[in-house]
Amino acid sequence: MKKLFLSASFAGVASLFPGFVNEICEGKTVTFIPTASIPEKVTFYVKADKKALKNIGLIVDELEISEATNEEIQSKLKNNDYIFISGGNAFYLLQELKRTGADKIIKEQISSGKPYIGSSAGSTILSPNIEYVKDSDDCTKAPDLDNYLALEVVNIYPLPHFKNFPFKKIVDKIISKYESKLELYPISNHQAILVQGDSVKVVSKPSFFQRFWNKKNV
């Protein structure tokens, strides 16, 4: 059964992950793929997500797909406990996943039940086709990508950074353009799409007030 934790910003919802996989994360190893950030100028989110993974006890094993050997790609994706793909440019990410064959291995691992974590671009590439994010990601960063067919692991279209600065206007534009054509799932930086088998739901990280109130009323 596939287990997908799809976020806009993993750092914003990391505390929800252990409960989702329903196991102790301490000491487990995650394959950390930062490839989508390579063509980007702003990449602070990569460090933030890596820190968040470590904070919940995971051992981070980095795998930069565009530079790794086939042996490294296969070994890390198959042997580590979880797979994580960071944010950045979804088109460049898809180009490199297809070029190296990592896309096929990731799909196989997901099918076998290995938990997958996506952050922004890492979430959108599981959709059937990433053409819908052309307004937010520069497709010219992937000159060797001849089509936008993605991994097709889910039938939904995750849409990260809903209502979050500085993406609000871009995300609203995408919604306006595609809401009648695609099954969009807009999520903010404090939400995640949880997929278990055929079940899909959106969850939100409790606000400080909610956490305080819950603690007070225990």
N, C-alpha and C. Protein backbone atom coordinates (compact mmCIF):
# COMPACT_ATOMS: atom_id res chain seq x y z
N MET A 1 0.84 -1.20 0.00
CA MET A 1 0.00 0.00 0.00
C MET A 1 0.88 1.25 0.00
N LYS A 2 0.60 2.17 -0.92
CA LYS A 2 1.42 3.38 -0.99
C LYS A 2 1.15 4.30 0.20
N LYS A 3 2.25 4.90 0.69
CA LYS A 3 2.18 5.83 1.81
C LYS A 3 2.91 7.10 1.40
N LEU A 4 2.15 8.16 1.17
CA LEU A 4 2.72 9.41 0.68
C LEU A 4 2.41 10.56 1.63
N PHE A 5 3.45 11.31 1.97
CA PHE A 5 3.31 12.48 2.82
C PHE A 5 3.72 13.67 1.95
N LEU A 6 2.72 14.35 1.38
CA LEU A 6 2.99 15.39 0.40
C LEU A 6 2.76 16.77 1.01
N SER A 7 3.81 17.56 1.05
CA SER A 7 3.73 18.86 1.71
C SER A 7 4.15 19.98 0.77
N ALA A 8 3.90 21.21 1.21
CA ALA A 8 4.41 22.39 0.52
C ALA A 8 5.77 22.76 1.11
N SER A 9 5.87 22.59 2.41
CA SER A 9 7.11 22.83 3.15
C SER A 9 7.19 21.79 4.26
N PHE A 10 8.06 20.81 4.11
CA PHE A 10 8.12 19.76 5.11
C PHE A 10 8.45 20.32 6.49
N ALA A 11 9.31 21.34 6.52
CA ALA A 11 9.69 21.94 7.81
C ALA A 11 8.46 22.45 8.57
N GLY A 12 7.41 22.83 7.82
CA GLY A 12 6.22 23.37 8.46
C GLY A 12 5.29 22.32 9.03
N VAL A 13 5.47 21.07 8.63
CA VAL A 13 4.55 20.00 9.07
C VAL A 13 5.27 18.74 9.55
N ALA A 14 6.57 18.83 9.75
CA ALA A 14 7.37 17.65 10.10
C ALA A 14 6.86 16.89 11.32
N SER A 15 6.29 17.60 12.27
CA SER A 15 5.82 16.96 13.50
C SER A 15 4.67 15.98 13.24
N LEU A 16 4.02 16.09 12.08
CA LEU A 16 2.90 15.21 11.75
C LEU A 16 3.37 13.88 11.13
N PHE A 17 4.61 13.84 10.69
CA PHE A 17 5.08 12.66 9.96
C PHE A 17 5.15 11.38 10.79
N PRO A 18 5.74 11.39 11.99
CA PRO A 18 5.80 10.14 12.77
C PRO A 18 4.44 9.50 12.98
N GLY A 19 3.44 10.33 13.24
CA GLY A 19 2.09 9.80 13.43
C GLY A 19 1.54 9.20 12.15
N PHE A 20 1.90 9.80 11.04
CA PHE A 20 1.43 9.29 9.74
C PHE A 20 1.98 7.90 9.45
N VAL A 21 3.28 7.71 9.65
CA VAL A 21 3.87 6.39 9.37
C VAL A 21 3.64 5.42 10.52
N ASN A 22 3.20 5.97 11.67
CA ASN A 22 2.86 5.15 12.84
C ASN A 22 4.02 4.26 13.27
N GLU A 23 5.19 4.85 13.35
CA GLU A 23 6.36 4.12 13.82
C GLU A 23 7.39 5.10 14.36
N ILE A 24 8.33 4.60 15.13
CA ILE A 24 9.40 5.43 15.66
C ILE A 24 10.40 5.74 14.55
N CYS A 25 10.63 7.01 14.30
CA CYS A 25 11.53 7.42 13.22
C CYS A 25 13.00 7.42 13.65
N GLU A 26 13.22 7.51 14.94
CA GLU A 26 14.59 7.58 15.47
C GLU A 26 15.47 6.46 14.92
N GLY A 27 16.57 6.87 14.25
CA GLY A 27 17.54 5.90 13.74
C GLY A 27 17.27 5.38 12.35
N LYS A 28 16.10 5.69 11.80
CA LYS A 28 15.81 5.26 10.43
C LYS A 28 16.48 6.20 9.45
N THR A 29 16.71 5.71 8.23
CA THR A 29 17.45 6.48 7.23
C THR A 29 16.55 6.94 6.09
N VAL A 30 16.70 8.20 5.71
CA VAL A 30 15.91 8.75 4.61
C VAL A 30 16.84 9.18 3.47
N THR A 31 16.49 8.77 2.26
CA THR A 31 17.21 9.24 1.08
C THR A 31 16.74 10.65 0.78
N PHE A 32 17.64 11.60 0.87
CA PHE A 32 17.30 13.02 0.74
C PHE A 32 17.74 13.53 -0.63
N ILE A 33 16.78 13.86 -1.48
CA ILE A 33 17.08 14.28 -2.86
C ILE A 33 16.82 15.78 -3.01
N PRO A 34 17.90 16.60 -3.11
CA PRO A 34 17.75 18.05 -3.21
C PRO A 34 17.80 18.57 -4.65
N THR A 35 17.74 17.67 -5.62
CA THR A 35 18.00 17.98 -7.03
C THR A 35 17.16 19.13 -7.59
N ALA A 36 15.90 19.24 -7.17
CA ALA A 36 15.03 20.29 -7.70
C ALA A 36 15.57 21.69 -7.42
N SER A 37 16.40 21.82 -6.39
CA SER A 37 16.90 23.14 -6.00
C SER A 37 18.12 23.58 -6.81
N ILE A 38 18.71 22.68 -7.58
CA ILE A 38 19.96 22.98 -8.31
C ILE A 38 19.87 24.24 -9.17
N PRO A 39 18.82 24.43 -9.98
CA PRO A 39 18.78 25.63 -10.83
C PRO A 39 18.23 26.87 -10.15
N GLU A 40 17.90 26.77 -8.87
CA GLU A 40 17.28 27.89 -8.16
C GLU A 40 18.31 28.78 -7.45
N LYS A 41 17.99 30.06 -7.33
CA LYS A 41 18.86 30.99 -6.62
C LYS A 41 18.59 30.97 -5.12
N VAL A 42 17.34 30.79 -4.75
CA VAL A 42 16.95 30.75 -3.35
C VAL A 42 16.74 29.29 -2.95
N THR A 43 17.52 28.83 -1.96
CA THR A 43 17.46 27.40 -1.60
C THR A 43 17.44 27.15 -0.09
N PHE A 44 17.07 28.16 0.69
CA PHE A 44 17.08 28.01 2.16
C PHE A 44 16.20 26.87 2.63
N TYR A 45 15.15 26.57 1.87
CA TYR A 45 14.19 25.54 2.26
C TYR A 45 14.81 24.15 2.30
N VAL A 46 15.87 23.94 1.54
CA VAL A 46 16.54 22.63 1.54
C VAL A 46 17.15 22.37 2.92
N LYS A 47 17.86 23.36 3.46
CA LYS A 47 18.45 23.22 4.79
C LYS A 47 17.37 23.09 5.85
N ALA A 48 16.29 23.85 5.69
CA ALA A 48 15.20 23.81 6.68
C ALA A 48 14.57 22.42 6.72
N ASP A 49 14.33 21.84 5.55
CA ASP A 49 13.72 20.50 5.50
C ASP A 49 14.68 19.44 6.02
N LYS A 50 15.95 19.58 5.70
CA LYS A 50 16.94 18.62 6.18
C LYS A 50 17.02 18.66 7.71
N LYS A 51 17.01 19.86 8.26
CA LYS A 51 17.04 20.02 9.73
C LYS A 51 15.80 19.40 10.35
N ALA A 52 14.64 19.60 9.71
CA ALA A 52 13.38 19.06 10.23
C ALA A 52 13.39 17.54 10.25
N LEU A 53 13.97 16.93 9.24
CA LEU A 53 14.10 15.47 9.19
C LEU A 53 14.98 14.97 10.34
N LYS A 54 16.08 15.66 10.57
CA LYS A 54 16.99 15.28 11.64
C LYS A 54 16.34 15.46 13.00
N ASN A 55 15.51 16.49 13.13
CA ASN A 55 14.86 16.78 14.41
C ASN A 55 13.86 15.70 14.82
N ILE A 56 13.33 14.95 13.86
CA ILE A 56 12.42 13.86 14.22
C ILE A 56 13.17 12.53 14.30
N GLY A 57 14.51 12.62 14.28
CA GLY A 57 15.33 11.44 14.53
C GLY A 57 15.86 10.70 13.33
N LEU A 58 15.60 11.21 12.14
CA LEU A 58 16.03 10.49 10.94
C LEU A 58 17.50 10.76 10.59
N ILE A 59 18.13 9.76 10.02
CA ILE A 59 19.49 9.89 9.50
C ILE A 59 19.37 10.26 8.03
N VAL A 60 19.91 11.41 7.65
CA VAL A 60 19.77 11.92 6.30
C VAL A 60 20.90 11.43 5.41
N ASP A 61 20.56 10.72 4.35
CA ASP A 61 21.53 10.20 3.38
C ASP A 61 21.26 10.92 2.06
N GLU A 62 22.08 11.93 1.76
CA GLU A 62 21.82 12.77 0.59
C GLU A 62 22.13 12.06 -0.73
N LEU A 63 21.27 12.31 -1.71
CA LEU A 63 21.44 11.74 -3.05
C LEU A 63 21.12 12.81 -4.08
N GLU A 64 22.15 13.39 -4.67
CA GLU A 64 21.94 14.40 -5.70
C GLU A 64 21.89 13.66 -7.03
N ILE A 65 20.67 13.47 -7.52
CA ILE A 65 20.41 12.62 -8.69
C ILE A 65 21.22 13.00 -9.92
N SER A 66 21.39 14.29 -10.17
CA SER A 66 22.04 14.72 -11.41
C SER A 66 23.53 14.37 -11.46
N GLU A 67 24.13 14.06 -10.29
CA GLU A 67 25.56 13.75 -10.25
C GLU A 67 25.85 12.32 -9.82
N ALA A 68 24.88 11.64 -9.27
CA ALA A 68 25.10 10.29 -8.72
C ALA A 68 25.24 9.23 -9.81
N THR A 69 25.93 8.16 -9.48
CA THR A 69 26.05 7.03 -10.39
C THR A 69 24.78 6.19 -10.30
N ASN A 70 24.57 5.34 -11.29
CA ASN A 70 23.40 4.45 -11.27
C ASN A 70 23.41 3.56 -10.04
N GLU A 71 24.60 3.13 -9.66
CA GLU A 71 24.75 2.25 -8.49
C GLU A 71 24.32 2.97 -7.21
N GLU A 72 24.76 4.22 -7.08
CA GLU A 72 24.39 5.01 -5.89
C GLU A 72 22.89 5.24 -5.83
N ILE A 73 22.30 5.58 -6.97
CA ILE A 73 20.87 5.83 -7.03
C ILE A 73 20.08 4.60 -6.61
N GLN A 74 20.42 3.47 -7.20
CA GLN A 74 19.70 2.24 -6.88
C GLN A 74 19.89 1.82 -5.43
N SER A 75 21.13 1.89 -4.95
CA SER A 75 21.43 1.46 -3.59
C SER A 75 20.69 2.29 -2.56
N LYS A 76 20.76 3.61 -2.69
CA LYS A 76 20.15 4.48 -1.68
C LYS A 76 18.63 4.45 -1.72
N LEU A 77 18.06 4.44 -2.91
CA LEU A 77 16.61 4.42 -3.02
C LEU A 77 16.02 3.10 -2.53
N LYS A 78 16.74 2.01 -2.77
CA LYS A 78 16.22 0.70 -2.39
C LYS A 78 16.51 0.33 -0.94
N ASN A 79 17.64 0.77 -0.40
CA ASN A 79 18.06 0.30 0.92
C ASN A 79 17.64 1.19 2.09
N ASN A 80 17.44 2.48 1.85
CA ASN A 80 17.04 3.37 2.94
C ASN A 80 15.56 3.21 3.26
N ASP A 81 15.16 3.66 4.45
CA ASP A 81 13.80 3.42 4.93
C ASP A 81 12.75 4.31 4.28
N TYR A 82 13.12 5.56 4.01
CA TYR A 82 12.18 6.51 3.42
C TYR A 82 12.84 7.23 2.24
N ILE A 83 12.00 7.85 1.40
CA ILE A 83 12.48 8.67 0.29
C ILE A 83 11.92 10.08 0.47
N PHE A 84 12.79 11.07 0.36
CA PHE A 84 12.39 12.48 0.48
C PHE A 84 12.88 13.24 -0.75
N ILE A 85 11.99 14.02 -1.37
CA ILE A 85 12.39 14.90 -2.48
C ILE A 85 12.01 16.32 -2.14
N SER A 86 13.00 17.21 -2.19
CA SER A 86 12.82 18.60 -1.78
C SER A 86 12.15 19.45 -2.85
N GLY A 87 11.95 20.71 -2.48
CA GLY A 87 11.36 21.67 -3.40
C GLY A 87 12.39 22.26 -4.35
N GLY A 88 11.88 23.12 -5.25
CA GLY A 88 12.73 23.73 -6.26
C GLY A 88 11.99 23.76 -7.58
N ASN A 89 12.69 23.47 -8.65
CA ASN A 89 12.09 23.50 -9.99
C ASN A 89 11.60 22.10 -10.38
N ALA A 90 10.30 21.96 -10.51
CA ALA A 90 9.71 20.64 -10.79
C ALA A 90 10.11 20.11 -12.16
N PHE A 91 10.33 20.99 -13.12
CA PHE A 91 10.68 20.56 -14.47
C PHE A 91 12.11 20.02 -14.52
N TYR A 92 13.02 20.72 -13.87
CA TYR A 92 14.40 20.23 -13.81
C TYR A 92 14.44 18.90 -13.05
N LEU A 93 13.70 18.83 -11.96
CA LEU A 93 13.65 17.60 -11.17
C LEU A 93 13.15 16.44 -12.02
N LEU A 94 12.05 16.64 -12.74
CA LEU A 94 11.50 15.58 -13.56
C LEU A 94 12.46 15.16 -14.66
N GLN A 95 13.13 16.14 -15.25
CA GLN A 95 14.13 15.85 -16.29
C GLN A 95 15.20 14.90 -15.77
N GLU A 96 15.74 15.21 -14.60
CA GLU A 96 16.81 14.40 -14.04
C GLU A 96 16.34 13.04 -13.55
N LEU A 97 15.14 12.98 -13.02
CA LEU A 97 14.60 11.69 -12.59
C LEU A 97 14.42 10.76 -13.78
N LYS A 98 13.93 11.31 -14.88
CA LYS A 98 13.73 10.49 -16.08
C LYS A 98 15.07 10.12 -16.72
N ARG A 99 15.98 11.07 -16.78
CA ARG A 99 17.28 10.83 -17.43
C ARG A 99 18.06 9.71 -16.75
N THR A 100 17.97 9.67 -15.45
CA THR A 100 18.74 8.69 -14.69
C THR A 100 17.99 7.38 -14.43
N GLY A 101 16.69 7.39 -14.72
CA GLY A 101 15.88 6.20 -14.43
C GLY A 101 15.44 6.12 -12.98
N ALA A 102 15.76 7.17 -12.20
CA ALA A 102 15.37 7.19 -10.79
C ALA A 102 13.85 7.22 -10.64
N ASP A 103 13.16 7.78 -11.63
CA ASP A 103 11.70 7.84 -11.56
C ASP A 103 11.09 6.45 -11.45
N LYS A 104 11.62 5.52 -12.23
CA LYS A 104 11.09 4.15 -12.21
C LYS A 104 11.36 3.46 -10.87
N ILE A 105 12.56 3.67 -10.33
CA ILE A 105 12.90 3.05 -9.04
C ILE A 105 12.03 3.61 -7.93
N ILE A 106 11.81 4.93 -7.95
CA ILE A 106 10.98 5.56 -6.93
C ILE A 106 9.56 5.01 -6.99
N LYS A 107 9.02 4.86 -8.19
CA LYS A 107 7.67 4.32 -8.34
C LYS A 107 7.60 2.88 -7.83
N GLU A 108 8.64 2.11 -8.09
CA GLU A 108 8.68 0.73 -7.61
C GLU A 108 8.71 0.68 -6.09
N GLN A 109 9.52 1.55 -5.50
CA GLN A 109 9.64 1.59 -4.04
C GLN A 109 8.33 2.03 -3.38
N ILE A 110 7.67 3.00 -3.99
CA ILE A 110 6.38 3.45 -3.47
C ILE A 110 5.36 2.31 -3.55
N SER A 111 5.36 1.60 -4.67
CA SER A 111 4.43 0.48 -4.86
C SER A 111 4.66 -0.63 -3.84
N SER A 112 5.92 -0.75 -3.41
CA SER A 112 6.25 -1.80 -2.43
C SER A 112 5.88 -1.40 -1.01
N GLY A 113 5.45 -0.14 -0.82
CA GLY A 113 5.02 0.32 0.49
C GLY A 113 5.99 1.24 1.21
N LYS A 114 7.11 1.58 0.58
CA LYS A 114 8.08 2.47 1.24
C LYS A 114 7.49 3.88 1.34
N PRO A 115 7.49 4.49 2.52
CA PRO A 115 6.95 5.84 2.67
C PRO A 115 7.75 6.86 1.87
N TYR A 116 7.03 7.76 1.23
CA TYR A 116 7.61 8.82 0.40
C TYR A 116 7.20 10.17 0.97
N ILE A 117 8.16 11.08 1.05
CA ILE A 117 7.90 12.43 1.52
C ILE A 117 8.22 13.41 0.40
N GLY A 118 7.26 14.26 0.07
CA GLY A 118 7.50 15.29 -0.93
C GLY A 118 7.38 16.66 -0.31
N SER A 119 8.21 17.58 -0.76
CA SER A 119 8.13 18.96 -0.32
C SER A 119 8.07 19.84 -1.57
N SER A 120 6.95 20.52 -1.78
CA SER A 120 6.75 21.39 -2.94
C SER A 120 6.93 20.63 -4.26
N ALA A 121 8.01 20.88 -5.00
CA ALA A 121 8.23 20.18 -6.27
C ALA A 121 8.23 18.67 -6.08
N GLY A 122 8.73 18.24 -4.93
CA GLY A 122 8.75 16.81 -4.62
C GLY A 122 7.36 16.22 -4.47
N SER A 123 6.37 17.08 -4.25
CA SER A 123 4.98 16.64 -4.19
C SER A 123 4.32 16.68 -5.56
N THR A 124 4.58 17.75 -6.31
CA THR A 124 3.91 17.91 -7.60
C THR A 124 4.33 16.86 -8.62
N ILE A 125 5.56 16.35 -8.53
CA ILE A 125 6.01 15.39 -9.55
C ILE A 125 5.35 14.02 -9.44
N LEU A 126 4.58 13.79 -8.37
CA LEU A 126 3.86 12.53 -8.28
C LEU A 126 2.54 12.58 -9.04
N SER A 127 2.15 13.76 -9.51
CA SER A 127 0.91 13.92 -10.27
C SER A 127 1.06 13.32 -11.67
N PRO A 128 -0.03 13.22 -12.44
CA PRO A 128 0.07 12.67 -13.79
C PRO A 128 0.89 13.53 -14.75
N ASN A 129 0.85 14.85 -14.56
CA ASN A 129 1.49 15.76 -15.52
C ASN A 129 1.74 17.08 -14.79
N ILE A 130 2.94 17.65 -14.97
CA ILE A 130 3.27 18.88 -14.22
C ILE A 130 3.11 20.16 -15.03
N GLU A 131 2.46 20.08 -16.17
CA GLU A 131 2.26 21.29 -16.98
C GLU A 131 1.53 22.37 -16.19
N TYR A 132 0.70 21.98 -15.24
CA TYR A 132 -0.10 22.93 -14.47
C TYR A 132 0.73 23.88 -13.61
N VAL A 133 2.00 23.55 -13.36
CA VAL A 133 2.83 24.45 -12.54
C VAL A 133 3.78 25.32 -13.38
N LYS A 134 3.50 25.45 -14.66
CA LYS A 134 4.37 26.28 -15.52
C LYS A 134 4.36 27.75 -15.10
N ASP A 135 3.30 28.18 -14.43
CA ASP A 135 3.25 29.57 -13.99
C ASP A 135 4.11 29.81 -12.76
N SER A 136 4.43 28.75 -12.04
CA SER A 136 5.25 28.91 -10.83
C SER A 136 6.69 28.44 -11.01
N ASP A 137 6.92 27.50 -11.91
CA ASP A 137 8.26 26.96 -12.15
C ASP A 137 8.67 27.22 -13.59
N ASP A 138 9.91 27.60 -13.80
CA ASP A 138 10.43 27.92 -15.13
C ASP A 138 10.79 26.64 -15.89
N CYS A 139 9.98 26.30 -16.88
CA CYS A 139 10.20 25.05 -17.62
C CYS A 139 11.44 25.11 -18.51
N THR A 140 11.97 26.30 -18.78
CA THR A 140 13.18 26.41 -19.61
C THR A 140 14.41 25.91 -18.87
N LYS A 141 14.30 25.69 -17.57
CA LYS A 141 15.41 25.15 -16.78
C LYS A 141 15.63 23.67 -17.08
N ALA A 142 14.71 23.08 -17.84
CA ALA A 142 14.81 21.66 -18.19
C ALA A 142 14.76 21.51 -19.71
N PRO A 143 15.81 21.93 -20.41
CA PRO A 143 15.81 21.92 -21.89
C PRO A 143 15.72 20.54 -22.52
N ASP A 144 16.06 19.50 -21.77
CA ASP A 144 16.03 18.14 -22.32
C ASP A 144 14.74 17.39 -22.00
N LEU A 145 13.81 18.06 -21.35
CA LEU A 145 12.54 17.43 -21.01
C LEU A 145 11.58 17.60 -22.19
N ASP A 146 11.23 16.50 -22.85
CA ASP A 146 10.43 16.61 -24.07
C ASP A 146 8.92 16.50 -23.84
N ASN A 147 8.51 16.20 -22.61
CA ASN A 147 7.07 16.22 -22.27
C ASN A 147 6.94 16.38 -20.76
N TYR A 148 5.75 16.68 -20.32
CA TYR A 148 5.53 16.98 -18.91
C TYR A 148 4.84 15.85 -18.15
N LEU A 149 4.79 14.66 -18.75
CA LEU A 149 4.22 13.51 -18.06
C LEU A 149 5.09 13.21 -16.85
N ALA A 150 4.46 13.13 -15.67
CA ALA A 150 5.21 12.96 -14.43
C ALA A 150 5.16 11.51 -13.96
N LEU A 151 5.30 11.29 -12.65
CA LEU A 151 5.41 9.92 -12.15
C LEU A 151 4.07 9.18 -12.09
N GLU A 152 2.97 9.93 -12.09
CA GLU A 152 1.62 9.33 -12.13
C GLU A 152 1.37 8.36 -10.98
N VAL A 153 1.90 8.69 -9.83
CA VAL A 153 1.67 7.86 -8.64
C VAL A 153 0.28 8.13 -8.06
N VAL A 154 -0.19 9.37 -8.21
CA VAL A 154 -1.53 9.76 -7.75
C VAL A 154 -2.29 10.40 -8.91
N ASN A 155 -3.62 10.45 -8.76
CA ASN A 155 -4.45 11.07 -9.79
C ASN A 155 -4.79 12.52 -9.46
N ILE A 156 -4.29 13.00 -8.34
CA ILE A 156 -4.54 14.37 -7.92
C ILE A 156 -3.36 15.26 -8.31
N TYR A 157 -3.57 16.58 -8.16
CA TYR A 157 -2.54 17.55 -8.53
C TYR A 157 -2.23 18.45 -7.32
N PRO A 158 -1.23 18.07 -6.53
CA PRO A 158 -0.86 18.90 -5.37
C PRO A 158 -0.45 20.30 -5.82
N LEU A 159 -0.92 21.30 -5.10
CA LEU A 159 -0.58 22.68 -5.43
C LEU A 159 -0.04 23.38 -4.19
N PRO A 160 1.28 23.42 -4.05
CA PRO A 160 1.92 23.96 -2.83
C PRO A 160 1.82 25.48 -2.68
N HIS A 161 1.99 25.92 -1.45
CA HIS A 161 2.11 27.33 -1.06
C HIS A 161 0.83 28.14 -1.23
N PHE A 162 -0.31 27.48 -1.05
CA PHE A 162 -1.60 28.14 -1.13
C PHE A 162 -1.71 29.21 -0.04
N LYS A 163 -1.96 30.44 -0.45
CA LYS A 163 -2.11 31.60 0.45
C LYS A 163 -0.79 32.02 1.13
N ASN A 164 0.33 31.47 0.69
CA ASN A 164 1.62 31.81 1.30
C ASN A 164 2.40 32.81 0.45
N PHE A 165 2.96 33.82 1.10
CA PHE A 165 3.85 34.77 0.43
C PHE A 165 5.14 34.06 0.04
N PRO A 166 5.71 34.31 -1.15
CA PRO A 166 5.28 35.25 -2.19
C PRO A 166 4.53 34.56 -3.34
N PHE A 167 3.91 33.42 -3.06
CA PHE A 167 3.30 32.62 -4.12
C PHE A 167 1.80 32.81 -4.29
N LYS A 168 1.18 33.61 -3.43
CA LYS A 168 -0.28 33.69 -3.40
C LYS A 168 -0.89 33.99 -4.77
N LYS A 169 -0.42 35.02 -5.45
CA LYS A 169 -1.02 35.40 -6.73
C LYS A 169 -0.81 34.33 -7.79
N ILE A 170 0.37 33.72 -7.79
CA ILE A 170 0.67 32.67 -8.77
C ILE A 170 -0.23 31.46 -8.55
N VAL A 171 -0.37 31.06 -7.30
CA VAL A 171 -1.21 29.90 -6.98
C VAL A 171 -2.67 30.19 -7.33
N ASP A 172 -3.13 31.40 -7.02
CA ASP A 172 -4.51 31.78 -7.36
C ASP A 172 -4.72 31.73 -8.88
N LYS A 173 -3.69 32.12 -9.64
CA LYS A 173 -3.77 32.09 -11.10
C LYS A 173 -3.88 30.65 -11.60
N ILE A 174 -3.11 29.76 -11.00
CA ILE A 174 -3.16 28.34 -11.39
C ILE A 174 -4.52 27.74 -11.07
N ILE A 175 -5.06 28.09 -9.91
CA ILE A 175 -6.38 27.61 -9.53
C ILE A 175 -7.44 28.09 -10.52
N SER A 176 -7.37 29.36 -10.85
CA SER A 176 -8.34 29.93 -11.78
C SER A 176 -8.27 29.25 -13.15
N LYS A 177 -7.07 28.89 -13.56
CA LYS A 177 -6.86 28.28 -14.88
C LYS A 177 -7.26 26.81 -14.94
N TYR A 178 -7.02 26.09 -13.83
CA TYR A 178 -7.16 24.63 -13.88
C TYR A 178 -8.23 24.02 -12.97
N GLU A 179 -8.90 24.80 -12.13
CA GLU A 179 -9.81 24.20 -11.15
C GLU A 179 -10.97 23.42 -11.78
N SER A 180 -11.34 23.77 -13.01
CA SER A 180 -12.44 23.05 -13.68
C SER A 180 -11.92 21.89 -14.53
N LYS A 181 -10.59 21.75 -14.63
CA LYS A 181 -10.01 20.73 -15.49
C LYS A 181 -9.29 19.63 -14.72
N LEU A 182 -8.68 20.00 -13.58
CA LEU A 182 -7.87 19.05 -12.82
C LEU A 182 -8.34 18.97 -11.37
N GLU A 183 -8.03 17.85 -10.73
CA GLU A 183 -8.37 17.69 -9.32
C GLU A 183 -7.23 18.28 -8.47
N LEU A 184 -7.26 19.61 -8.38
CA LEU A 184 -6.22 20.32 -7.64
C LEU A 184 -6.39 20.13 -6.14
N TYR A 185 -5.25 20.03 -5.45
CA TYR A 185 -5.24 19.96 -3.99
C TYR A 185 -4.33 21.08 -3.48
N PRO A 186 -4.85 22.31 -3.34
CA PRO A 186 -4.04 23.41 -2.81
C PRO A 186 -3.71 23.17 -1.33
N ILE A 187 -2.45 23.34 -0.97
CA ILE A 187 -2.05 23.20 0.43
C ILE A 187 -1.10 24.34 0.81
N SER A 188 -1.25 24.81 2.03
CA SER A 188 -0.37 25.86 2.54
C SER A 188 0.90 25.22 3.11
N ASN A 189 1.80 26.05 3.57
CA ASN A 189 3.06 25.55 4.15
C ASN A 189 2.86 24.84 5.48
N HIS A 190 1.64 24.88 6.02
CA HIS A 190 1.35 24.20 7.28
C HIS A 190 0.29 23.11 7.10
N GLN A 191 0.23 22.60 5.86
CA GLN A 191 -0.68 21.50 5.55
C GLN A 191 0.06 20.40 4.80
N ALA A 192 -0.52 19.21 4.82
CA ALA A 192 0.04 18.09 4.08
C ALA A 192 -1.08 17.23 3.53
N ILE A 193 -0.82 16.62 2.38
CA ILE A 193 -1.75 15.67 1.79
C ILE A 193 -1.26 14.29 2.19
N LEU A 194 -2.10 13.54 2.88
CA LEU A 194 -1.74 12.20 3.32
C LEU A 194 -2.42 11.18 2.42
N VAL A 195 -1.62 10.33 1.78
CA VAL A 195 -2.16 9.30 0.89
C VAL A 195 -1.78 7.94 1.44
N GLN A 196 -2.78 7.14 1.70
CA GLN A 196 -2.56 5.75 2.14
C GLN A 196 -3.45 4.86 1.27
N GLY A 197 -2.84 4.13 0.38
CA GLY A 197 -3.62 3.35 -0.57
C GLY A 197 -4.44 4.28 -1.43
N ASP A 198 -5.76 4.12 -1.41
CA ASP A 198 -6.65 4.97 -2.20
C ASP A 198 -7.22 6.13 -1.38
N SER A 199 -6.84 6.20 -0.10
CA SER A 199 -7.34 7.26 0.77
C SER A 199 -6.48 8.52 0.64
N VAL A 200 -7.15 9.65 0.43
CA VAL A 200 -6.45 10.93 0.31
C VAL A 200 -7.12 11.94 1.23
N LYS A 201 -6.32 12.59 2.10
CA LYS A 201 -6.89 13.63 2.94
C LYS A 201 -5.85 14.71 3.22
N VAL A 202 -6.36 15.90 3.48
CA VAL A 202 -5.49 17.04 3.81
C VAL A 202 -5.56 17.28 5.31
N VAL A 203 -4.40 17.41 5.93
CA VAL A 203 -4.34 17.70 7.36
C VAL A 203 -3.55 18.98 7.58
N SER A 204 -3.83 19.64 8.69
CA SER A 204 -3.16 20.90 9.02
C SER A 204 -2.43 20.77 10.35
N LYS A 205 -1.28 21.41 10.44
CA LYS A 205 -0.57 21.45 11.71
C LYS A 205 -1.31 22.39 12.64
N PRO A 206 -1.59 21.96 13.87
CA PRO A 206 -2.31 22.83 14.81
C PRO A 206 -1.55 24.14 15.05
N SER A 207 -2.28 25.21 15.17
CA SER A 207 -1.66 26.50 15.47
C SER A 207 -1.18 26.50 16.91
N PHE A 208 -0.42 27.52 17.28
CA PHE A 208 0.05 27.63 18.66
C PHE A 208 -1.13 27.70 19.62
N PHE A 209 -2.16 28.46 19.23
CA PHE A 209 -3.34 28.60 20.11
C PHE A 209 -4.02 27.26 20.30
N GLN A 210 -4.15 26.48 19.20
CA GLN A 210 -4.80 25.17 19.30
C GLN A 210 -4.01 24.22 20.19
N ARG A 211 -2.67 24.25 20.04
CA ARG A 211 -1.82 23.38 20.87
C ARG A 211 -1.92 23.77 22.34
N PHE A 212 -1.93 25.08 22.58
CA PHE A 212 -2.04 25.58 23.96
C PHE A 212 -3.38 25.18 24.56
N TRP A 213 -4.46 25.34 23.80
CA TRP A 213 -5.81 25.04 24.28
C TRP A 213 -5.94 23.55 24.57
N ASN A 214 -5.42 22.71 23.65
CA ASN A 214 -5.52 21.26 23.84
C ASN A 214 -4.77 20.82 25.10
N LYS A 215 -3.57 21.41 25.29
CA LYS A 215 -2.76 21.08 26.46
C LYS A 215 -3.47 21.50 27.73
N LYS A 216 -4.08 22.68 27.67
CA LYS A 216 -4.77 23.23 28.85
C LYS A 216 -5.96 22.37 29.25
N ASN A 217 -6.59 21.73 28.26
CA ASN A 217 -7.82 20.97 28.55
C ASN A 217 -7.61 19.47 28.66
N VAL A 218 -6.36 19.06 28.75
CA VAL A 218 -6.09 17.62 28.93
C VAL A 218 -6.50 17.22 30.34
